C-alpha atoms as a PDB file:
ATOM      1  CA  MET A   1     -27.988 -33.164  21.725  1.00  0.00           C
ATOM      2  CA  PHE A   2     -27.717 -29.729  23.561  1.00  0.00           C
ATOM      3  CA  GLU A   3     -30.736 -30.380  25.609  1.00  0.00           C
ATOM      4  CA  LEU A   4     -29.420 -33.635  26.857  1.00  0.00           C
ATOM      5  CA  ASN A   5     -26.923 -31.701  28.861  1.00  0.00           C
ATOM      6  CA  LEU A   6     -28.999 -28.572  29.076  1.00  0.00           C
ATOM      7  CA  GLU A   7     -27.746 -27.179  32.547  1.00  0.00           C
ATOM      8  CA  ASP A   8     -24.266 -28.006  31.852  1.00  0.00           C
ATOM      9  CA  ASN A   9     -24.285 -26.302  28.376  1.00  0.00           C
ATOM     10  CA  ILE A  10     -26.064 -23.198  29.682  1.00  0.00           C
ATOM     11  CA  PHE A  11     -23.349 -22.632  32.525  1.00  0.00           C
ATOM     12  CA  LYS A  12     -20.667 -23.373  30.069  1.00  0.00           C
ATOM     13  CA  LEU A  13     -22.297 -20.553  27.737  1.00  0.00           C
ATOM     14  CA  HIS A  14     -22.550 -18.384  30.906  1.00  0.00           C
ATOM     15  CA  ASN A  15     -19.042 -18.782  32.085  1.00  0.00           C
ATOM     16  CA  GLU A  16     -17.678 -17.984  28.497  1.00  0.00           C
ATOM     17  CA  LEU A  17     -19.588 -14.669  28.416  1.00  0.00           C
ATOM     18  CA  LYS A  18     -18.749 -13.754  31.984  1.00  0.00           C
ATOM     19  CA  ILE A  19     -14.855 -14.138  31.409  1.00  0.00           C
ATOM     20  CA  GLY A  20     -15.110 -12.648  27.752  1.00  0.00           C
ATOM     21  CA  ALA A  21     -13.741 -15.869  26.272  1.00  0.00           C
ATOM     22  CA  GLN A  22     -13.216 -15.673  22.339  1.00  0.00           C
ATOM     23  CA  ARG A  23     -16.229 -17.802  21.131  1.00  0.00           C
ATOM     24  CA  GLU A  24     -15.939 -19.794  17.795  1.00  0.00           C
ATOM     25  CA  ILE A  25     -19.000 -18.900  15.826  1.00  0.00           C
ATOM     26  CA  ALA A  26     -19.871 -21.038  12.743  1.00  0.00           C
ATOM     27  CA  TYR A  27     -22.930 -21.499  10.427  1.00  0.00           C
ATOM     28  CA  LEU A  28     -24.596 -24.245   8.625  1.00  0.00           C
ATOM     29  CA  GLN A  29     -25.691 -22.801   5.359  1.00  0.00           C
ATOM     30  CA  PHE A  30     -28.585 -24.273   3.209  1.00  0.00           C
ATOM     31  CA  ARG A  31     -30.643 -22.736   0.431  1.00  0.00           C
ATOM     32  CA  ILE A  32     -34.265 -22.111   0.053  1.00  0.00           C
ATOM     33  CA  SER A  33     -36.490 -20.875  -2.844  1.00  0.00           C
ATOM     34  CA  ASP A  34     -39.685 -19.463  -1.078  1.00  0.00           C
ATOM     35  CA  PRO A  35     -40.385 -17.429  -3.610  1.00  0.00           C
ATOM     36  CA  LYS A  36     -36.832 -16.193  -4.696  1.00  0.00           C
ATOM     37  CA  PRO A  37     -33.500 -18.275  -3.910  1.00  0.00           C
ATOM     38  CA  ARG A  38     -31.957 -17.256  -0.617  1.00  0.00           C
ATOM     39  CA  THR A  39     -28.953 -18.553   1.398  1.00  0.00           C
ATOM     40  CA  ILE A  40     -30.027 -19.099   5.110  1.00  0.00           C
ATOM     41  CA  SER A  41     -26.978 -19.387   7.738  1.00  0.00           C
ATOM     42  CA  LYS A  42     -28.015 -21.110  10.814  1.00  0.00           C
ATOM     43  CA  ALA A  43     -26.089 -20.742  14.025  1.00  0.00           C
ATOM     44  CA  SER A  44     -25.300 -23.441  16.571  1.00  0.00           C
ATOM     45  CA  VAL A  45     -27.893 -24.042  19.292  1.00  0.00           C
ATOM     46  CA  ALA A  46     -25.689 -22.316  21.887  1.00  0.00           C
ATOM     47  CA  ASP A  47     -25.418 -19.230  19.488  1.00  0.00           C
ATOM     48  CA  ARG A  48     -28.973 -19.177  18.750  1.00  0.00           C
ATOM     49  CA  LEU A  49     -29.868 -19.092  22.536  1.00  0.00           C
ATOM     50  CA  LEU A  50     -27.264 -16.208  22.904  1.00  0.00           C
ATOM     51  CA  HIS A  51     -28.829 -14.284  19.984  1.00  0.00           C
ATOM     52  CA  HIS A  52     -32.315 -14.659  21.822  1.00  0.00           C
ATOM     53  CA  ALA A  53     -30.836 -13.234  24.977  1.00  0.00           C
ATOM     54  CA  ILE A  54     -29.327 -10.225  23.303  1.00  0.00           C
ATOM     55  CA  TYR A  55     -32.288  -9.735  21.386  1.00  0.00           C
ATOM     56  CA  ARG A  56     -34.506  -9.819  24.615  1.00  0.00           C
ATOM     57  CA  HIS A  57     -32.000  -7.398  26.179  1.00  0.00           C
ATOM     58  CA  LEU A  58     -31.596  -4.894  23.140  1.00  0.00           C
ATOM     59  CA  GLN A  59     -34.937  -4.827  21.508  1.00  0.00           C
ATOM     60  CA  PRO A  60     -36.925  -2.815  24.245  1.00  0.00           C
ATOM     61  CA  LEU A  61     -33.928  -0.210  24.327  1.00  0.00           C
ATOM     62  CA  PHE A  62     -34.017   0.320  20.602  1.00  0.00           C
ATOM     63  CA  ASN A  63     -37.633  -0.261  19.882  1.00  0.00           C
ATOM     64  CA  LYS A  64     -38.688   2.793  21.727  1.00  0.00           C
ATOM     65  CA  THR A  65     -36.720   5.185  19.608  1.00  0.00           C
ATOM     66  CA  PHE A  66     -37.811   3.606  16.218  1.00  0.00           C
ATOM     67  CA  ILE A  67     -40.250   5.495  14.056  1.00  0.00           C
ATOM     68  CA  PHE A  68     -43.987   4.538  14.374  1.00  0.00           C
ATOM     69  CA  ASP A  69     -44.439   3.051  10.889  1.00  0.00           C
ATOM     70  CA  GLY A  70     -41.287   0.741  11.053  1.00  0.00           C
ATOM     71  CA  PHE A  71     -42.937  -2.655  10.766  1.00  0.00           C
ATOM     72  CA  SER A  72     -40.403  -5.663  10.548  1.00  0.00           C
ATOM     73  CA  CYS A  73     -39.549  -7.709  13.475  1.00  0.00           C
ATOM     74  CA  ARG A  74     -41.392  -5.682  16.168  1.00  0.00           C
ATOM     75  CA  LYS A  75     -43.922  -6.637  18.643  1.00  0.00           C
ATOM     76  CA  THR A  76     -47.325  -5.459  17.663  1.00  0.00           C
ATOM     77  CA  LYS A  77     -46.231  -4.806  14.307  1.00  0.00           C
ATOM     78  CA  GLY A  78     -45.639  -7.169  11.308  1.00  0.00           C
ATOM     79  CA  THR A  79     -46.813  -7.477   7.677  1.00  0.00           C
ATOM     80  CA  HIS A  80     -50.514  -7.448   8.497  1.00  0.00           C
ATOM     81  CA  LYS A  81     -50.298  -4.282  10.536  1.00  0.00           C
ATOM     82  CA  ALA A  82     -48.099  -2.621   7.808  1.00  0.00           C
ATOM     83  CA  PHE A  83     -50.659  -3.231   5.239  1.00  0.00           C
ATOM     84  CA  VAL A  84     -53.741  -2.200   7.491  1.00  0.00           C
ATOM     85  CA  ARG A  85     -51.487   1.060   7.784  1.00  0.00           C
ATOM     86  CA  THR A  86     -50.887   1.471   4.031  1.00  0.00           C
ATOM     87  CA  VAL A  87     -54.644   1.107   3.398  1.00  0.00           C
ATOM     88  CA  GLN A  88     -55.607   4.009   5.962  1.00  0.00           C
ATOM     89  CA  ILE A  89     -52.994   6.079   4.679  1.00  0.00           C
ATOM     90  CA  ALA A  90     -54.150   5.708   0.954  1.00  0.00           C
ATOM     91  CA  ARG A  91     -57.800   6.520   2.085  1.00  0.00           C
ATOM     92  CA  LYS A  92     -56.541   9.602   3.923  1.00  0.00           C
ATOM     93  CA  VAL A  93     -54.320  10.838   1.093  1.00  0.00           C
ATOM     94  CA  SER A  94     -57.047  10.236  -1.583  1.00  0.00           C
ATOM     95  CA  LYS A  95     -59.540  11.969   0.669  1.00  0.00           C
ATOM     96  CA  ASN A  96     -61.708   8.734   1.030  1.00  0.00           C
ATOM     97  CA  TYR A  97     -60.982   7.750  -2.570  1.00  0.00           C
ATOM     98  CA  THR A  98     -62.237  11.054  -4.299  1.00  0.00           C
ATOM     99  CA  GLY A  99     -58.825  12.393  -5.091  1.00  0.00           C
ATOM    100  CA  SER A 100     -55.488  10.960  -6.443  1.00  0.00           C
ATOM    101  CA  CYS A 101     -52.982   8.859  -4.336  1.00  0.00           C
ATOM    102  CA  TRP A 102     -49.720   7.838  -5.426  1.00  0.00           C
ATOM    103  CA  ALA A 103     -47.182   5.395  -3.885  1.00  0.00           C
ATOM    104  CA  LEU A 104     -43.429   5.159  -4.463  1.00  0.00           C
ATOM    105  CA  LYS A 105     -42.154   1.642  -3.660  1.00  0.00           C
ATOM    106  CA  CYS A 106     -38.275   1.075  -3.469  1.00  0.00           C
ATOM    107  CA  ASP A 107     -36.144  -2.007  -2.373  1.00  0.00           C
ATOM    108  CA  VAL A 108     -32.631  -1.846  -1.162  1.00  0.00           C
ATOM    109  CA  LYS A 109     -30.258  -3.720  -3.422  1.00  0.00           C
ATOM    110  CA  LYS A 110     -28.852  -6.927  -1.792  1.00  0.00           C
ATOM    111  CA  PHE A 111     -29.452  -5.423   1.749  1.00  0.00           C
ATOM    112  CA  PHE A 112     -28.293  -8.106   3.862  1.00  0.00           C
ATOM    113  CA  ASP A 113     -25.062  -8.752   1.876  1.00  0.00           C
ATOM    114  CA  ASN A 114     -24.230  -5.038   1.617  1.00  0.00           C
ATOM    115  CA  ILE A 115     -24.519  -4.117   5.516  1.00  0.00           C
ATOM    116  CA  ASP A 116     -21.299  -2.628   6.497  1.00  0.00           C
ATOM    117  CA  HIS A 117     -19.787  -4.008   9.701  1.00  0.00           C
ATOM    118  CA  ARG A 118     -18.079  -0.911  10.638  1.00  0.00           C
ATOM    119  CA  VAL A 119     -21.162   1.432  10.003  1.00  0.00           C
ATOM    120  CA  LEU A 120     -23.577  -1.140  12.144  1.00  0.00           C
ATOM    121  CA  ILE A 121     -20.840  -1.173  15.058  1.00  0.00           C
ATOM    122  CA  GLU A 122     -20.851   2.364  15.187  1.00  0.00           C
ATOM    123  CA  LEU A 123     -24.691   2.856  15.374  1.00  0.00           C
ATOM    124  CA  LEU A 124     -24.830   0.280  18.232  1.00  0.00           C
ATOM    125  CA  GLU A 125     -22.043   2.023  20.110  1.00  0.00           C
ATOM    126  CA  ARG A 126     -24.044   5.238  19.910  1.00  0.00           C
ATOM    127  CA  ARG A 127     -26.779   3.683  22.027  1.00  0.00           C
ATOM    128  CA  ILE A 128     -25.240   0.932  24.273  1.00  0.00           C
ATOM    129  CA  ASP A 129     -22.977   2.192  27.158  1.00  0.00           C
ATOM    130  CA  ASP A 130     -21.561  -1.385  27.733  1.00  0.00           C
ATOM    131  CA  LYS A 131     -18.111  -2.405  26.341  1.00  0.00           C
ATOM    132  CA  PRO A 132     -18.361  -6.193  26.852  1.00  0.00           C
ATOM    133  CA  LEU A 133     -21.695  -6.136  25.405  1.00  0.00           C
ATOM    134  CA  VAL A 134     -20.461  -3.999  22.353  1.00  0.00           C
ATOM    135  CA  SER A 135     -17.471  -6.182  22.062  1.00  0.00           C
ATOM    136  CA  LEU A 136     -19.535  -9.333  21.838  1.00  0.00           C
ATOM    137  CA  LEU A 137     -21.946  -7.858  19.256  1.00  0.00           C
ATOM    138  CA  GLY A 138     -18.815  -6.950  17.353  1.00  0.00           C
ATOM    139  CA  GLU A 139     -17.729 -10.931  17.507  1.00  0.00           C
ATOM    140  CA  ILE A 140     -21.223 -11.805  16.176  1.00  0.00           C
ATOM    141  CA  ILE A 141     -21.129  -9.230  13.437  1.00  0.00           C
ATOM    142  CA  GLY A 142     -17.664 -10.013  12.286  1.00  0.00           C
ATOM    143  CA  SER A 143     -18.452 -13.902  12.322  1.00  0.00           C
ATOM    144  CA  PHE A 144     -19.925 -13.587   8.894  1.00  0.00           C
ATOM    145  CA  ALA A 145     -19.332 -11.943   5.674  1.00  0.00           C
ATOM    146  CA  VAL A 146     -20.115 -11.925   2.176  1.00  0.00           C
ATOM    147  CA  LYS A 147     -17.111  -9.909   1.293  1.00  0.00           C
ATOM    148  CA  PRO A 148     -14.576  -8.231   3.610  1.00  0.00           C
ATOM    149  CA  GLY A 149     -16.412  -6.043   6.316  1.00  0.00           C
ATOM    150  CA  LYS A 150     -19.808  -6.558   4.782  1.00  0.00           C
ATOM    151  CA  GLY A 151     -22.605  -8.675   5.027  1.00  0.00           C
ATOM    152  CA  MET A 152     -25.102 -10.301   7.760  1.00  0.00           C
ATOM    153  CA  PRO A 153     -26.667 -13.787   7.785  1.00  0.00           C
ATOM    154  CA  LEU A 154     -30.082 -14.247   6.969  1.00  0.00           C
ATOM    155  CA  GLY A 155     -31.148 -16.769   9.967  1.00  0.00           C
ATOM    156  CA  ASN A 156     -29.956 -14.919  13.013  1.00  0.00           C
ATOM    157  CA  LEU A 157     -32.517 -13.163  15.301  1.00  0.00           C
ATOM    158  CA  THR A 158     -29.948 -10.592  15.872  1.00  0.00           C
ATOM    159  CA  SER A 159     -29.891  -9.807  12.248  1.00  0.00           C
ATOM    160  CA  GLN A 160     -33.436  -8.882  12.434  1.00  0.00           C
ATOM    161  CA  LEU A 161     -32.831  -6.165  15.254  1.00  0.00           C
ATOM    162  CA  PHE A 162     -29.570  -4.991  13.458  1.00  0.00           C
ATOM    163  CA  ALA A 163     -31.423  -4.620  10.279  1.00  0.00           C
ATOM    164  CA  ASN A 164     -33.657  -2.055  12.020  1.00  0.00           C
ATOM    165  CA  VAL A 165     -30.728  -0.277  13.688  1.00  0.00           C
ATOM    166  CA  TYR A 166     -29.232   0.005  10.386  1.00  0.00           C
ATOM    167  CA  MET A 167     -31.972   1.416   8.564  1.00  0.00           C
ATOM    168  CA  ASP A 168     -33.011   3.832  11.631  1.00  0.00           C
ATOM    169  CA  PRO A 169     -30.811   6.682  10.349  1.00  0.00           C
ATOM    170  CA  LEU A 170     -32.869   6.535   6.983  1.00  0.00           C
ATOM    171  CA  ASP A 171     -35.979   6.478   8.700  1.00  0.00           C
ATOM    172  CA  LYS A 172     -35.118   9.507  10.642  1.00  0.00           C
ATOM    173  CA  PHE A 173     -33.792  11.125   7.605  1.00  0.00           C
ATOM    174  CA  VAL A 174     -37.043  10.678   5.811  1.00  0.00           C
ATOM    175  CA  LYS A 175     -39.328  11.627   8.614  1.00  0.00           C
ATOM    176  CA  HIS A 176     -37.369  14.556  10.149  1.00  0.00           C
ATOM    177  CA  ARG A 177     -35.125  16.148   7.559  1.00  0.00           C
ATOM    178  CA  LEU A 178     -37.148  15.414   4.384  1.00  0.00           C
ATOM    179  CA  LYS A 179     -40.549  15.843   6.364  1.00  0.00           C
ATOM    180  CA  VAL A 180     -42.243  13.227   4.520  1.00  0.00           C
ATOM    181  CA  LYS A 181     -45.637  12.907   6.052  1.00  0.00           C
ATOM    182  CA  TYR A 182     -46.594   9.077   5.007  1.00  0.00           C
ATOM    183  CA  TYR A 183     -43.515   6.817   4.815  1.00  0.00           C
ATOM    184  CA  LEU A 184     -43.558   3.139   5.828  1.00  0.00           C
ATOM    185  CA  ARG A 185     -40.687   0.529   5.934  1.00  0.00           C
ATOM    186  CA  TYR A 186     -40.814  -3.288   6.436  1.00  0.00           C
ATOM    187  CA  ALA A 187     -37.139  -4.648   6.400  1.00  0.00           C
ATOM    188  CA  ASP A 188     -35.490  -3.251   3.122  1.00  0.00           C
ATOM    189  CA  ASP A 189     -38.640  -2.334   1.501  1.00  0.00           C
ATOM    190  CA  PHE A 190     -40.037   1.231   1.969  1.00  0.00           C
ATOM    191  CA  LEU A 191     -43.206   3.095   0.710  1.00  0.00           C
ATOM    192  CA  LEU A 192     -43.787   6.730   0.349  1.00  0.00           C
ATOM    193  CA  LEU A 193     -47.528   7.902  -0.386  1.00  0.00           C
ATOM    194  CA  GLY A 194     -48.714  11.258  -1.390  1.00  0.00           C
ATOM    195  CA  SER A 195     -50.787  13.185  -3.879  1.00  0.00           C
ATOM    196  CA  ASN A 196     -48.116  14.581  -5.947  1.00  0.00           C
ATOM    197  CA  PRO A 197     -45.845  11.889  -7.830  1.00  0.00           C
ATOM    198  CA  ASN A 198     -43.191  14.560  -8.699  1.00  0.00           C
ATOM    199  CA  GLU A 199     -42.832  15.188  -5.147  1.00  0.00           C
ATOM    200  CA  LEU A 200     -42.305  11.440  -4.366  1.00  0.00           C
ATOM    201  CA  LEU A 201     -39.660  11.341  -7.045  1.00  0.00           C
ATOM    202  CA  GLY A 202     -37.878  14.364  -5.509  1.00  0.00           C
ATOM    203  CA  TYR A 203     -37.763  12.553  -2.256  1.00  0.00           C
ATOM    204  CA  PHE A 204     -36.367   9.398  -3.875  1.00  0.00           C
ATOM    205  CA  ILE A 205     -33.283  11.241  -5.225  1.00  0.00           C
ATOM    206  CA  GLU A 206     -32.562  12.544  -1.780  1.00  0.00           C
ATOM    207  CA  ILE A 207     -32.856   8.971  -0.189  1.00  0.00           C
ATOM    208  CA  ASN A 208     -30.756   7.315  -2.475  1.00  0.00           C
ATOM    209  CA  ASN A 209     -28.042   9.908  -1.924  1.00  0.00           C
ATOM    210  CA  PHE A 210     -28.286   9.422   1.796  1.00  0.00           C
ATOM    211  CA  LEU A 211     -28.123   5.532   1.233  1.00  0.00           C
ATOM    212  CA  LYS A 212     -24.886   5.865  -0.511  1.00  0.00           C
ATOM    213  CA  ASP A 213     -23.343   8.340   1.508  1.00  0.00           C
ATOM    214  CA  LYS A 214     -24.239   7.397   4.982  1.00  0.00           C
ATOM    215  CA  LEU A 215     -25.105   3.532   4.934  1.00  0.00           C
ATOM    216  CA  LYS A 216     -23.145   2.452   1.818  1.00  0.00           C
ATOM    217  CA  LEU A 217     -26.249   1.051   0.256  1.00  0.00           C
ATOM    218  CA  SER A 218     -28.283   1.824  -2.884  1.00  0.00           C
ATOM    219  CA  VAL A 219     -31.765   1.252  -4.114  1.00  0.00           C
ATOM    220  CA  HIS A 220     -32.486  -1.612  -6.564  1.00  0.00           C
ATOM    221  CA  PRO A 221     -32.542  -0.138  -9.724  1.00  0.00           C
ATOM    222  CA  ASP A 222     -35.358  -2.548 -11.074  1.00  0.00           C
ATOM    223  CA  LYS A 223     -37.348  -2.186  -7.861  1.00  0.00           C
ATOM    224  CA  ILE A 224     -38.525   1.390  -8.059  1.00  0.00           C
ATOM    225  CA  ILE A 225     -42.078   1.536  -8.663  1.00  0.00           C
ATOM    226  CA  LEU A 226     -44.303   4.675  -8.912  1.00  0.00           C
ATOM    227  CA  ARG A 227     -48.045   3.643  -8.819  1.00  0.00           C
ATOM    228  CA  LYS A 228     -51.415   5.211  -8.519  1.00  0.00           C
ATOM    229  CA  LEU A 229     -53.864   3.870  -5.908  1.00  0.00           C
ATOM    230  CA  ASN A 230     -56.294   2.999  -8.805  1.00  0.00           C
ATOM    231  CA  TRP A 231     -53.800   0.883 -10.541  1.00  0.00           C
ATOM    232  CA  GLY A 232     -53.051  -1.041  -7.045  1.00  0.00           C
ATOM    233  CA  ILE A 233     -50.307  -0.382  -4.521  1.00  0.00           C
ATOM    234  CA  ASP A 234     -48.512  -3.553  -3.834  1.00  0.00           C
ATOM    235  CA  PHE A 235     -46.736  -3.723  -0.490  1.00  0.00           C
ATOM    236  CA  VAL A 236     -45.874  -6.621   2.003  1.00  0.00           C
ATOM    237  CA  GLY A 237     -47.693  -9.209  -0.005  1.00  0.00           C
ATOM    238  CA  TYR A 238     -50.978  -7.575  -0.625  1.00  0.00           C
ATOM    239  CA  VAL A 239     -52.381  -5.196  -3.076  1.00  0.00           C
ATOM    240  CA  ALA A 240     -54.498  -1.992  -1.998  1.00  0.00           C
ATOM    241  CA  LEU A 241     -57.089  -0.555  -4.350  1.00  0.00           C
ATOM    242  CA  PRO A 242     -60.008   1.969  -3.689  1.00  0.00           C
ATOM    243  CA  LYS A 243     -62.341   0.572  -1.311  1.00  0.00           C
ATOM    244  CA  TYR A 244     -60.998  -3.077  -1.397  1.00  0.00           C
ATOM    245  CA  THR A 245     -57.763  -5.040  -1.191  1.00  0.00           C
ATOM    246  CA  LEU A 246     -56.325  -8.138  -2.702  1.00  0.00           C
ATOM    247  CA  PRO A 247     -53.601 -10.645  -2.087  1.00  0.00           C
ATOM    248  CA  ARG A 248     -50.678 -10.412  -4.866  1.00  0.00           C
ATOM    249  CA  LYS A 249     -51.279 -12.296  -7.856  1.00  0.00           C
ATOM    250  CA  SER A 250     -47.901 -14.217  -7.822  1.00  0.00           C
ATOM    251  CA  THR A 251     -48.532 -15.398  -4.195  1.00  0.00           C
ATOM    252  CA  VAL A 252     -51.798 -16.739  -5.356  1.00  0.00           C
ATOM    253  CA  LYS A 253     -50.451 -18.672  -8.130  1.00  0.00           C
ATOM    254  CA  ARG A 254     -47.745 -20.039  -5.725  1.00  0.00           C
ATOM    255  CA  ILE A 255     -50.259 -20.933  -3.181  1.00  0.00           C
ATOM    256  CA  PHE A 256     -52.306 -23.118  -5.530  1.00  0.00           C
ATOM    257  CA  GLN A 257     -49.193 -24.732  -6.665  1.00  0.00           C
ATOM    258  CA  CYS A 258     -47.744 -25.539  -3.282  1.00  0.00           C
ATOM    259  CA  LEU A 259     -51.041 -26.882  -1.947  1.00  0.00           C
ATOM    260  CA  ALA A 260     -51.181 -29.089  -5.111  1.00  0.00           C
ATOM    261  CA  LYS A 261     -47.597 -30.367  -4.432  1.00  0.00           C
ATOM    262  CA  LYS A 262     -48.548 -31.031  -0.721  1.00  0.00           C
ATOM    263  CA  LEU A 263     -51.948 -33.042  -1.819  1.00  0.00           C
ATOM    264  CA  GLU A 264     -49.229 -35.135  -4.084  1.00  0.00           C
ATOM    265  CA  SER A 265     -46.606 -35.663  -1.810  1.00  0.00           C
ATOM    266  CA  GLU A 266     -48.121 -35.548   1.821  1.00  0.00           C
ATOM    267  CA  PRO A 267     -51.845 -35.374   1.558  1.00  0.00           C
ATOM    268  CA  GLU A 268     -52.438 -36.175   5.198  1.00  0.00           C
ATOM    269  CA  LYS A 269     -50.682 -32.705   5.979  1.00  0.00           C
ATOM    270  CA  ALA A 270     -52.494 -30.643   3.348  1.00  0.00           C
ATOM    271  CA  ASN A 271     -55.228 -29.455   5.577  1.00  0.00           C
ATOM    272  CA  GLU A 272     -52.523 -27.844   7.836  1.00  0.00           C
ATOM    273  CA  SER A 273     -51.283 -25.956   4.637  1.00  0.00           C
ATOM    274  CA  LEU A 274     -54.625 -24.851   3.695  1.00  0.00           C
ATOM    275  CA  GLN A 275     -55.307 -23.362   7.073  1.00  0.00           C
ATOM    276  CA  SER A 276     -52.273 -21.460   6.645  1.00  0.00           C
ATOM    277  CA  TYR A 277     -53.179 -20.147   3.205  1.00  0.00           C
ATOM    278  CA  LEU A 278     -56.688 -19.276   4.436  1.00  0.00           C
ATOM    279  CA  GLY A 279     -54.833 -17.243   7.342  1.00  0.00           C
ATOM    280  CA  TYR A 280     -52.891 -15.299   4.875  1.00  0.00           C
ATOM    281  CA  LEU A 281     -56.078 -14.692   2.683  1.00  0.00           C
ATOM    282  CA  LYS A 282     -58.457 -13.600   5.257  1.00  0.00           C
ATOM    283  CA  HIS A 283     -56.698 -10.172   5.746  1.00  0.00           C
ATOM    284  CA  VAL A 284     -58.019  -9.125   2.004  1.00  0.00           C
ATOM    285  CA  ASN A 285     -61.114  -9.552  -0.012  1.00  0.00           C
ATOM    286  CA  ALA A 286     -60.266 -13.123  -1.211  1.00  0.00           C
ATOM    287  CA  TYR A 287     -63.462 -15.046  -0.796  1.00  0.00           C
ATOM    288  CA  LYS A 288     -63.553 -16.629  -4.135  1.00  0.00           C
ATOM    289  CA  ILE A 289     -59.837 -17.304  -3.780  1.00  0.00           C
ATOM    290  CA  SER A 290     -60.406 -19.211  -0.489  1.00  0.00           C
ATOM    291  CA  ARG A 291     -63.340 -21.175  -1.795  1.00  0.00           C
ATOM    292  CA  LYS A 292     -61.308 -22.413  -4.793  1.00  0.00           C
ATOM    293  CA  LEU A 293     -58.684 -23.657  -2.349  1.00  0.00           C
ATOM    294  CA  LYS A 294     -61.078 -25.478  -0.207  1.00  0.00           C
ATOM    295  CA  GLU A 295     -62.619 -27.094  -3.443  1.00  0.00           C
ATOM    296  CA  GLN A 296     -59.069 -28.033  -4.599  1.00  0.00           C
ATOM    297  CA  LEU A 297     -58.243 -29.889  -1.229  1.00  0.00           C
ATOM    298  CA  SER A 298     -61.804 -31.681  -1.038  1.00  0.00           C
ATOM    299  CA  ASP A 299     -61.787 -32.769  -4.711  1.00  0.00           C
ATOM    300  CA  ASN A 300     -58.609 -34.389  -4.158  1.00  0.00           C
ATOM    301  CA  ILE A 301     -59.269 -36.023  -1.008  1.00  0.00           C
ATOM    302  CA  GLN A 302     -62.472 -37.572  -2.392  1.00  0.00           C
END
């Protein structure tokens, strides 16, 4: 419907922005369960177009100031690069798997629901010298709340950028103040690696205090995981072990279940799903799992 009058709609949006008109921002909400239940808030087509324009304008400005080992929603980064980097660091810390390597993995509790609007706007104002743009960003941020003054919608492209902006002070604190050598972050999950587990736990206390004091967030108490490399370090959907890597067990189980459902409901599209799963598995040592998936497809088609 938007595309039927594309030019008129784009000029209408342009004029609204030019005169600084107050915009009505609404969301269509729906639930997904992949793998855990989430509420996605989808903006209108016009707003999504605006979010893309804002993202293209702001991403280069902020991206150059983010730490190297931040991997979510950034060009040339992503989950695969995050895991490759994890494996490289684990190998270095363990001195080519001859010594010990520990990893402390943490998850921010209800990250998107607890982002504080005032804190986020202040972080944006520090870098953006454009009052009309800051005002527009304030409208977008204020258009959604889980509770007064808090929350950001899953579904907006701008939310992915805002998440990185919001967590950037933590990244800088860990790298520059605590001097942690090996720290990686993907969205609200972060990983610290080192040879001394007690040192990692000491860093955790400082990090949790910083989150509470500066960002009004906290680490999820049930998702503080300290593991040795020999036991497997789980990060961004994969597991690193000495000299080889594996997919996460829960993900493999879900893949087989999803492929079985697809074969039952839409067999003609099952091969598309299979190729997607094989793409996920090709980044680790999963030859046997890939073979079983192919056999599952061929056996059912026959």
